[in-house]
Amino acid sequence: MRRYTIFFSIIAATVTAVFAVRAGYYPLALVGGDILLARDFRNQYRAARTYYENVRAMYGAASTLPAADMERAVFTAMIEGALVHAAVREEIGTETARMVAARVDAFLEDADLLRAADAAYGVGAGEFRAMVLVPQAEREILTGQLFLRGEKFEDWLAKAKRSERVVVLAPGLHWDGAEVQSGR
């Protein structure tokens, strides 16, 4: 009986791991204490690609942006977002969620904005909140805090990119202290 229990436990763990990996629940990068998941990257890349294709179709642009360039840009933006998120948590503390919600939730009541988000990015309200509104609100909060200290957001971000530990786990990519690059 004990052999069967061990065998079925191994099978269950393997099946769970396969489903977790297929769903994107594995890390692509470690930014300070935050983990960036493949699932989040996939969702943000899909939204960025949809937006780019919509803009390209609207303006009739003939050239296309290579997928690798867009992937690096999305990945870099996710790392920057994680740096900002950590800084806002550190600056504001327990009031972070309340302050972000105060800035964001009013936008979610605007049906026109949500229709535009769906048309432009191909995302629903929840994804739009997580991908666009929350990062923008955190950036605004941090910018305000830095302004009160006489600092510029751009200077803080450049310093944070160089000083924060960023470990890229995605194959073929690395962090050069400013952005995600291809190759090693």
C-alpha atoms as a PDB file:
ATOM      1  CA  MET A   1       0.000   0.000   0.000  1.00  0.00           C
ATOM      2  CA  ARG A   2       2.838   2.374   0.835  1.00  0.00           C
ATOM      3  CA  ARG A   3       4.388   1.884  -2.631  1.00  0.00           C
ATOM      4  CA  TYR A   4       1.153   2.908  -4.307  1.00  0.00           C
ATOM      5  CA  THR A   5       0.902   6.028  -2.163  1.00  0.00           C
ATOM      6  CA  ILE A   6       4.436   7.098  -3.118  1.00  0.00           C
ATOM      7  CA  PHE A   7       3.840   6.271  -6.785  1.00  0.00           C
ATOM      8  CA  PHE A   8       0.575   8.221  -6.952  1.00  0.00           C
ATOM      9  CA  SER A   9       2.149  11.127  -5.068  1.00  0.00           C
ATOM     10  CA  ILE A  10       4.926  11.328  -7.660  1.00  0.00           C
ATOM     11  CA  ILE A  11       2.395  11.158 -10.509  1.00  0.00           C
ATOM     12  CA  ALA A  12       0.251  13.869  -8.891  1.00  0.00           C
ATOM     13  CA  ALA A  13       3.272  16.136  -8.352  1.00  0.00           C
ATOM     14  CA  THR A  14       4.379  15.642 -11.963  1.00  0.00           C
ATOM     15  CA  VAL A  15       0.934  16.384 -13.373  1.00  0.00           C
ATOM     16  CA  THR A  16       0.637  19.483 -11.166  1.00  0.00           C
ATOM     17  CA  ALA A  17       4.058  20.713 -12.298  1.00  0.00           C
ATOM     18  CA  VAL A  18       3.179  20.196 -15.971  1.00  0.00           C
ATOM     19  CA  PHE A  19      -0.071  22.136 -15.615  1.00  0.00           C
ATOM     20  CA  ALA A  20       1.679  24.936 -13.705  1.00  0.00           C
ATOM     21  CA  VAL A  21       4.341  25.296 -16.393  1.00  0.00           C
ATOM     22  CA  ARG A  22       1.788  25.190 -19.224  1.00  0.00           C
ATOM     23  CA  ALA A  23      -0.230  27.896 -17.464  1.00  0.00           C
ATOM     24  CA  GLY A  24       2.867  30.088 -17.146  1.00  0.00           C
ATOM     25  CA  TYR A  25       3.349  29.856 -13.393  1.00  0.00           C
ATOM     26  CA  TYR A  26       7.122  29.853 -13.532  1.00  0.00           C
ATOM     27  CA  PRO A  27       9.524  32.766 -13.042  1.00  0.00           C
ATOM     28  CA  LEU A  28      11.108  34.685 -15.902  1.00  0.00           C
ATOM     29  CA  ALA A  29      12.915  37.184 -13.696  1.00  0.00           C
ATOM     30  CA  LEU A  30      13.626  38.071 -10.095  1.00  0.00           C
ATOM     31  CA  VAL A  31      13.563  41.799  -9.367  1.00  0.00           C
ATOM     32  CA  GLY A  32      14.628  42.453  -5.813  1.00  0.00           C
ATOM     33  CA  GLY A  33      12.099  40.401  -3.871  1.00  0.00           C
ATOM     34  CA  ASP A  34       9.503  40.220  -6.661  1.00  0.00           C
ATOM     35  CA  ILE A  35       9.034  37.386  -9.127  1.00  0.00           C
ATOM     36  CA  LEU A  36       7.934  38.120 -12.697  1.00  0.00           C
ATOM     37  CA  LEU A  37       5.914  35.207 -14.060  1.00  0.00           C
ATOM     38  CA  ALA A  38       5.801  33.938 -17.630  1.00  0.00           C
ATOM     39  CA  ARG A  39       1.989  34.137 -17.523  1.00  0.00           C
ATOM     40  CA  ASP A  40       2.096  37.874 -16.829  1.00  0.00           C
ATOM     41  CA  PHE A  41       4.669  38.408 -19.569  1.00  0.00           C
ATOM     42  CA  ARG A  42       2.545  36.453 -22.041  1.00  0.00           C
ATOM     43  CA  ASN A  43      -0.548  38.541 -21.205  1.00  0.00           C
ATOM     44  CA  GLN A  44       1.309  41.851 -21.430  1.00  0.00           C
ATOM     45  CA  TYR A  45       3.021  40.858 -24.662  1.00  0.00           C
ATOM     46  CA  ARG A  46      -0.328  39.860 -26.191  1.00  0.00           C
ATOM     47  CA  ALA A  47      -1.841  43.223 -25.191  1.00  0.00           C
ATOM     48  CA  ALA A  48       1.165  45.156 -26.536  1.00  0.00           C
ATOM     49  CA  ARG A  49       1.060  43.198 -29.795  1.00  0.00           C
ATOM     50  CA  THR A  50      -2.680  43.856 -30.170  1.00  0.00           C
ATOM     51  CA  TYR A  51      -2.155  47.564 -29.518  1.00  0.00           C
ATOM     52  CA  TYR A  52       0.717  47.731 -32.009  1.00  0.00           C
ATOM     53  CA  GLU A  53      -1.279  45.922 -34.708  1.00  0.00           C
ATOM     54  CA  ASN A  54      -4.277  48.215 -34.126  1.00  0.00           C
ATOM     55  CA  VAL A  55      -2.121  51.346 -34.415  1.00  0.00           C
ATOM     56  CA  ARG A  56      -0.352  49.950 -37.471  1.00  0.00           C
ATOM     57  CA  ALA A  57      -3.689  49.196 -39.169  1.00  0.00           C
ATOM     58  CA  MET A  58      -5.104  52.609 -38.257  1.00  0.00           C
ATOM     59  CA  TYR A  59      -2.179  54.554 -39.688  1.00  0.00           C
ATOM     60  CA  GLY A  60      -1.422  52.152 -42.531  1.00  0.00           C
ATOM     61  CA  ALA A  61       2.198  51.580 -41.604  1.00  0.00           C
ATOM     62  CA  ALA A  62       3.900  49.100 -43.897  1.00  0.00           C
ATOM     63  CA  SER A  63       6.827  48.133 -41.675  1.00  0.00           C
ATOM     64  CA  THR A  64       6.559  45.763 -38.760  1.00  0.00           C
ATOM     65  CA  LEU A  65       8.309  45.688 -35.431  1.00  0.00           C
ATOM     66  CA  PRO A  66      10.283  42.471 -34.915  1.00  0.00           C
ATOM     67  CA  ALA A  67       8.760  40.265 -32.239  1.00  0.00           C
ATOM     68  CA  ALA A  68      12.092  40.072 -30.382  1.00  0.00           C
ATOM     69  CA  ASP A  69      12.208  43.871 -30.040  1.00  0.00           C
ATOM     70  CA  MET A  70       8.687  43.976 -28.675  1.00  0.00           C
ATOM     71  CA  GLU A  71       9.426  41.117 -26.259  1.00  0.00           C
ATOM     72  CA  ARG A  72      12.468  42.960 -24.899  1.00  0.00           C
ATOM     73  CA  ALA A  73      10.486  46.199 -24.556  1.00  0.00           C
ATOM     74  CA  VAL A  74       7.637  44.468 -22.697  1.00  0.00           C
ATOM     75  CA  PHE A  75      10.076  42.593 -20.446  1.00  0.00           C
ATOM     76  CA  THR A  76      11.980  45.812 -19.687  1.00  0.00           C
ATOM     77  CA  ALA A  77       8.696  47.579 -18.861  1.00  0.00           C
ATOM     78  CA  MET A  78       7.747  44.736 -16.507  1.00  0.00           C
ATOM     79  CA  ILE A  79      11.086  45.036 -14.692  1.00  0.00           C
ATOM     80  CA  GLU A  80      10.675  48.804 -14.401  1.00  0.00           C
ATOM     81  CA  GLY A  81       7.144  48.254 -13.080  1.00  0.00           C
ATOM     82  CA  ALA A  82       8.455  45.859 -10.432  1.00  0.00           C
ATOM     83  CA  LEU A  83      11.077  48.423  -9.363  1.00  0.00           C
ATOM     84  CA  VAL A  84       8.418  51.130  -9.072  1.00  0.00           C
ATOM     85  CA  HIS A  85       6.051  48.783  -7.216  1.00  0.00           C
ATOM     86  CA  ALA A  86       8.729  47.906  -4.659  1.00  0.00           C
ATOM     87  CA  ALA A  87       9.653  51.572  -4.171  1.00  0.00           C
ATOM     88  CA  VAL A  88       6.027  52.599  -3.651  1.00  0.00           C
ATOM     89  CA  ARG A  89       5.557  49.801  -1.086  1.00  0.00           C
ATOM     90  CA  GLU A  90       8.673  51.012   0.699  1.00  0.00           C
ATOM     91  CA  GLU A  91       7.687  54.712   0.566  1.00  0.00           C
ATOM     92  CA  ILE A  92       4.007  54.416   1.444  1.00  0.00           C
ATOM     93  CA  GLY A  93       3.823  51.152   3.356  1.00  0.00           C
ATOM     94  CA  THR A  94       0.426  49.849   4.376  1.00  0.00           C
ATOM     95  CA  GLU A  95      -1.436  52.692   2.670  1.00  0.00           C
ATOM     96  CA  THR A  96      -0.204  51.669  -0.790  1.00  0.00           C
ATOM     97  CA  ALA A  97      -3.243  49.580  -1.732  1.00  0.00           C
ATOM     98  CA  ARG A  98      -5.674  52.279  -0.598  1.00  0.00           C
ATOM     99  CA  MET A  99      -3.845  55.039  -2.470  1.00  0.00           C
ATOM    100  CA  VAL A 100      -3.619  52.998  -5.669  1.00  0.00           C
ATOM    101  CA  ALA A 101      -7.284  51.995  -5.448  1.00  0.00           C
ATOM    102  CA  ALA A 102      -8.300  55.631  -4.949  1.00  0.00           C
ATOM    103  CA  ARG A 103      -6.568  56.558  -8.216  1.00  0.00           C
ATOM    104  CA  VAL A 104      -7.619  53.520 -10.224  1.00  0.00           C
ATOM    105  CA  ASP A 105     -11.146  52.512  -9.278  1.00  0.00           C
ATOM    106  CA  ALA A 106     -12.800  55.652 -10.629  1.00  0.00           C
ATOM    107  CA  PHE A 107     -11.517  54.796 -14.114  1.00  0.00           C
ATOM    108  CA  LEU A 108     -13.097  51.344 -13.975  1.00  0.00           C
ATOM    109  CA  GLU A 109     -16.543  52.948 -13.764  1.00  0.00           C
ATOM    110  CA  ASP A 110     -16.043  54.627 -17.153  1.00  0.00           C
ATOM    111  CA  ALA A 111     -17.664  52.308 -19.711  1.00  0.00           C
ATOM    112  CA  ASP A 112     -16.148  54.227 -22.639  1.00  0.00           C
ATOM    113  CA  LEU A 113     -12.652  53.745 -21.263  1.00  0.00           C
ATOM    114  CA  LEU A 114     -13.223  50.028 -20.783  1.00  0.00           C
ATOM    115  CA  ARG A 115     -14.549  49.681 -24.353  1.00  0.00           C
ATOM    116  CA  ALA A 116     -11.510  51.582 -25.627  1.00  0.00           C
ATOM    117  CA  ALA A 117      -9.184  49.323 -23.607  1.00  0.00           C
ATOM    118  CA  ASP A 118     -10.847  46.262 -25.094  1.00  0.00           C
ATOM    119  CA  ALA A 119     -10.604  47.682 -28.621  1.00  0.00           C
ATOM    120  CA  ALA A 120      -7.033  48.928 -28.317  1.00  0.00           C
ATOM    121  CA  TYR A 121      -5.421  46.234 -26.164  1.00  0.00           C
ATOM    122  CA  GLY A 122      -7.867  43.347 -26.395  1.00  0.00           C
ATOM    123  CA  VAL A 123      -8.183  43.113 -22.607  1.00  0.00           C
ATOM    124  CA  GLY A 124     -11.029  43.199 -20.105  1.00  0.00           C
ATOM    125  CA  ALA A 125     -11.406  45.497 -17.129  1.00  0.00           C
ATOM    126  CA  GLY A 126      -9.404  43.328 -14.714  1.00  0.00           C
ATOM    127  CA  GLU A 127      -6.457  42.938 -17.060  1.00  0.00           C
ATOM    128  CA  PHE A 128      -6.548  46.641 -17.978  1.00  0.00           C
ATOM    129  CA  ARG A 129      -6.482  47.513 -14.285  1.00  0.00           C
ATOM    130  CA  ALA A 130      -3.521  45.226 -13.585  1.00  0.00           C
ATOM    131  CA  MET A 131      -1.505  46.001 -16.730  1.00  0.00           C
ATOM    132  CA  VAL A 132      -2.117  49.717 -17.239  1.00  0.00           C
ATOM    133  CA  LEU A 133      -3.953  51.514 -14.442  1.00  0.00           C
ATOM    134  CA  VAL A 134      -2.175  50.139 -11.357  1.00  0.00           C
ATOM    135  CA  PRO A 135       1.365  50.582 -12.746  1.00  0.00           C
ATOM    136  CA  GLN A 136       0.505  54.124 -13.868  1.00  0.00           C
ATOM    137  CA  ALA A 137      -0.968  54.982 -10.463  1.00  0.00           C
ATOM    138  CA  GLU A 138       2.111  53.611  -8.688  1.00  0.00           C
ATOM    139  CA  ARG A 139       4.357  55.599 -10.997  1.00  0.00           C
ATOM    140  CA  GLU A 140       2.398  58.783 -10.251  1.00  0.00           C
ATOM    141  CA  ILE A 141       2.535  58.164  -6.496  1.00  0.00           C
ATOM    142  CA  LEU A 142       6.297  57.567  -6.611  1.00  0.00           C
ATOM    143  CA  THR A 143       6.820  60.601  -8.847  1.00  0.00           C
ATOM    144  CA  GLY A 144       4.977  62.737  -6.280  1.00  0.00           C
ATOM    145  CA  GLN A 145       7.056  61.380  -3.399  1.00  0.00           C
ATOM    146  CA  LEU A 146      10.280  62.007  -5.314  1.00  0.00           C
ATOM    147  CA  PHE A 147       9.156  65.522  -6.242  1.00  0.00           C
ATOM    148  CA  LEU A 148       8.645  66.334  -2.573  1.00  0.00           C
ATOM    149  CA  ARG A 149      12.288  65.355  -1.995  1.00  0.00           C
ATOM    150  CA  GLY A 150      13.493  67.361  -4.998  1.00  0.00           C
ATOM    151  CA  GLU A 151      14.295  64.297  -7.124  1.00  0.00           C
ATOM    152  CA  LYS A 152      13.256  63.437 -10.675  1.00  0.00           C
ATOM    153  CA  PHE A 153      11.592  60.136 -11.499  1.00  0.00           C
ATOM    154  CA  GLU A 154      13.871  59.503 -14.487  1.00  0.00           C
ATOM    155  CA  ASP A 155      16.991  59.913 -12.330  1.00  0.00           C
ATOM    156  CA  TRP A 156      15.572  57.630  -9.639  1.00  0.00           C
ATOM    157  CA  LEU A 157      14.636  54.970 -12.222  1.00  0.00           C
ATOM    158  CA  ALA A 158      18.086  54.991 -13.836  1.00  0.00           C
ATOM    159  CA  LYS A 159      19.696  54.605 -10.405  1.00  0.00           C
ATOM    160  CA  ALA A 160      17.256  51.869  -9.361  1.00  0.00           C
ATOM    161  CA  LYS A 161      17.919  49.932 -12.579  1.00  0.00           C
ATOM    162  CA  ARG A 162      21.646  49.974 -11.898  1.00  0.00           C
ATOM    163  CA  SER A 163      21.511  49.259  -8.176  1.00  0.00           C
ATOM    164  CA  GLU A 164      18.657  46.760  -7.763  1.00  0.00           C
ATOM    165  CA  ARG A 165      19.418  43.091  -8.204  1.00  0.00           C
ATOM    166  CA  VAL A 166      17.713  41.838 -11.381  1.00  0.00           C
ATOM    167  CA  VAL A 167      18.107  38.197 -12.372  1.00  0.00           C
ATOM    168  CA  VAL A 168      16.690  37.283 -15.774  1.00  0.00           C
ATOM    169  CA  LEU A 169      15.856  33.588 -15.996  1.00  0.00           C
ATOM    170  CA  ALA A 170      14.561  33.657 -19.575  1.00  0.00           C
ATOM    171  CA  PRO A 171      16.948  31.864 -21.922  1.00  0.00           C
ATOM    172  CA  GLY A 172      18.934  34.083 -24.283  1.00  0.00           C
ATOM    173  CA  LEU A 173      18.177  37.309 -22.396  1.00  0.00           C
ATOM    174  CA  HIS A 174      20.090  39.274 -19.790  1.00  0.00           C
ATOM    175  CA  TRP A 175      19.773  42.545 -17.865  1.00  0.00           C
ATOM    176  CA  ASP A 176      22.437  45.129 -18.638  1.00  0.00           C
ATOM    177  CA  GLY A 177      21.453  47.566 -15.884  1.00  0.00           C
ATOM    178  CA  ALA A 178      19.172  49.589 -18.149  1.00  0.00           C
ATOM    179  CA  GLU A 179      17.147  47.165 -20.246  1.00  0.00           C
ATOM    180  CA  VAL A 180      16.746  43.574 -21.306  1.00  0.00           C
ATOM    181  CA  GLN A 181      19.219  42.530 -24.003  1.00  0.00           C
ATOM    182  CA  SER A 182      19.554  39.473 -26.231  1.00  0.00           C
ATOM    183  CA  GLY A 183      22.554  37.183 -25.912  1.00  0.00           C
ATOM    184  CA  ARG A 184      24.855  36.600 -23.012  1.00  0.00           C
END
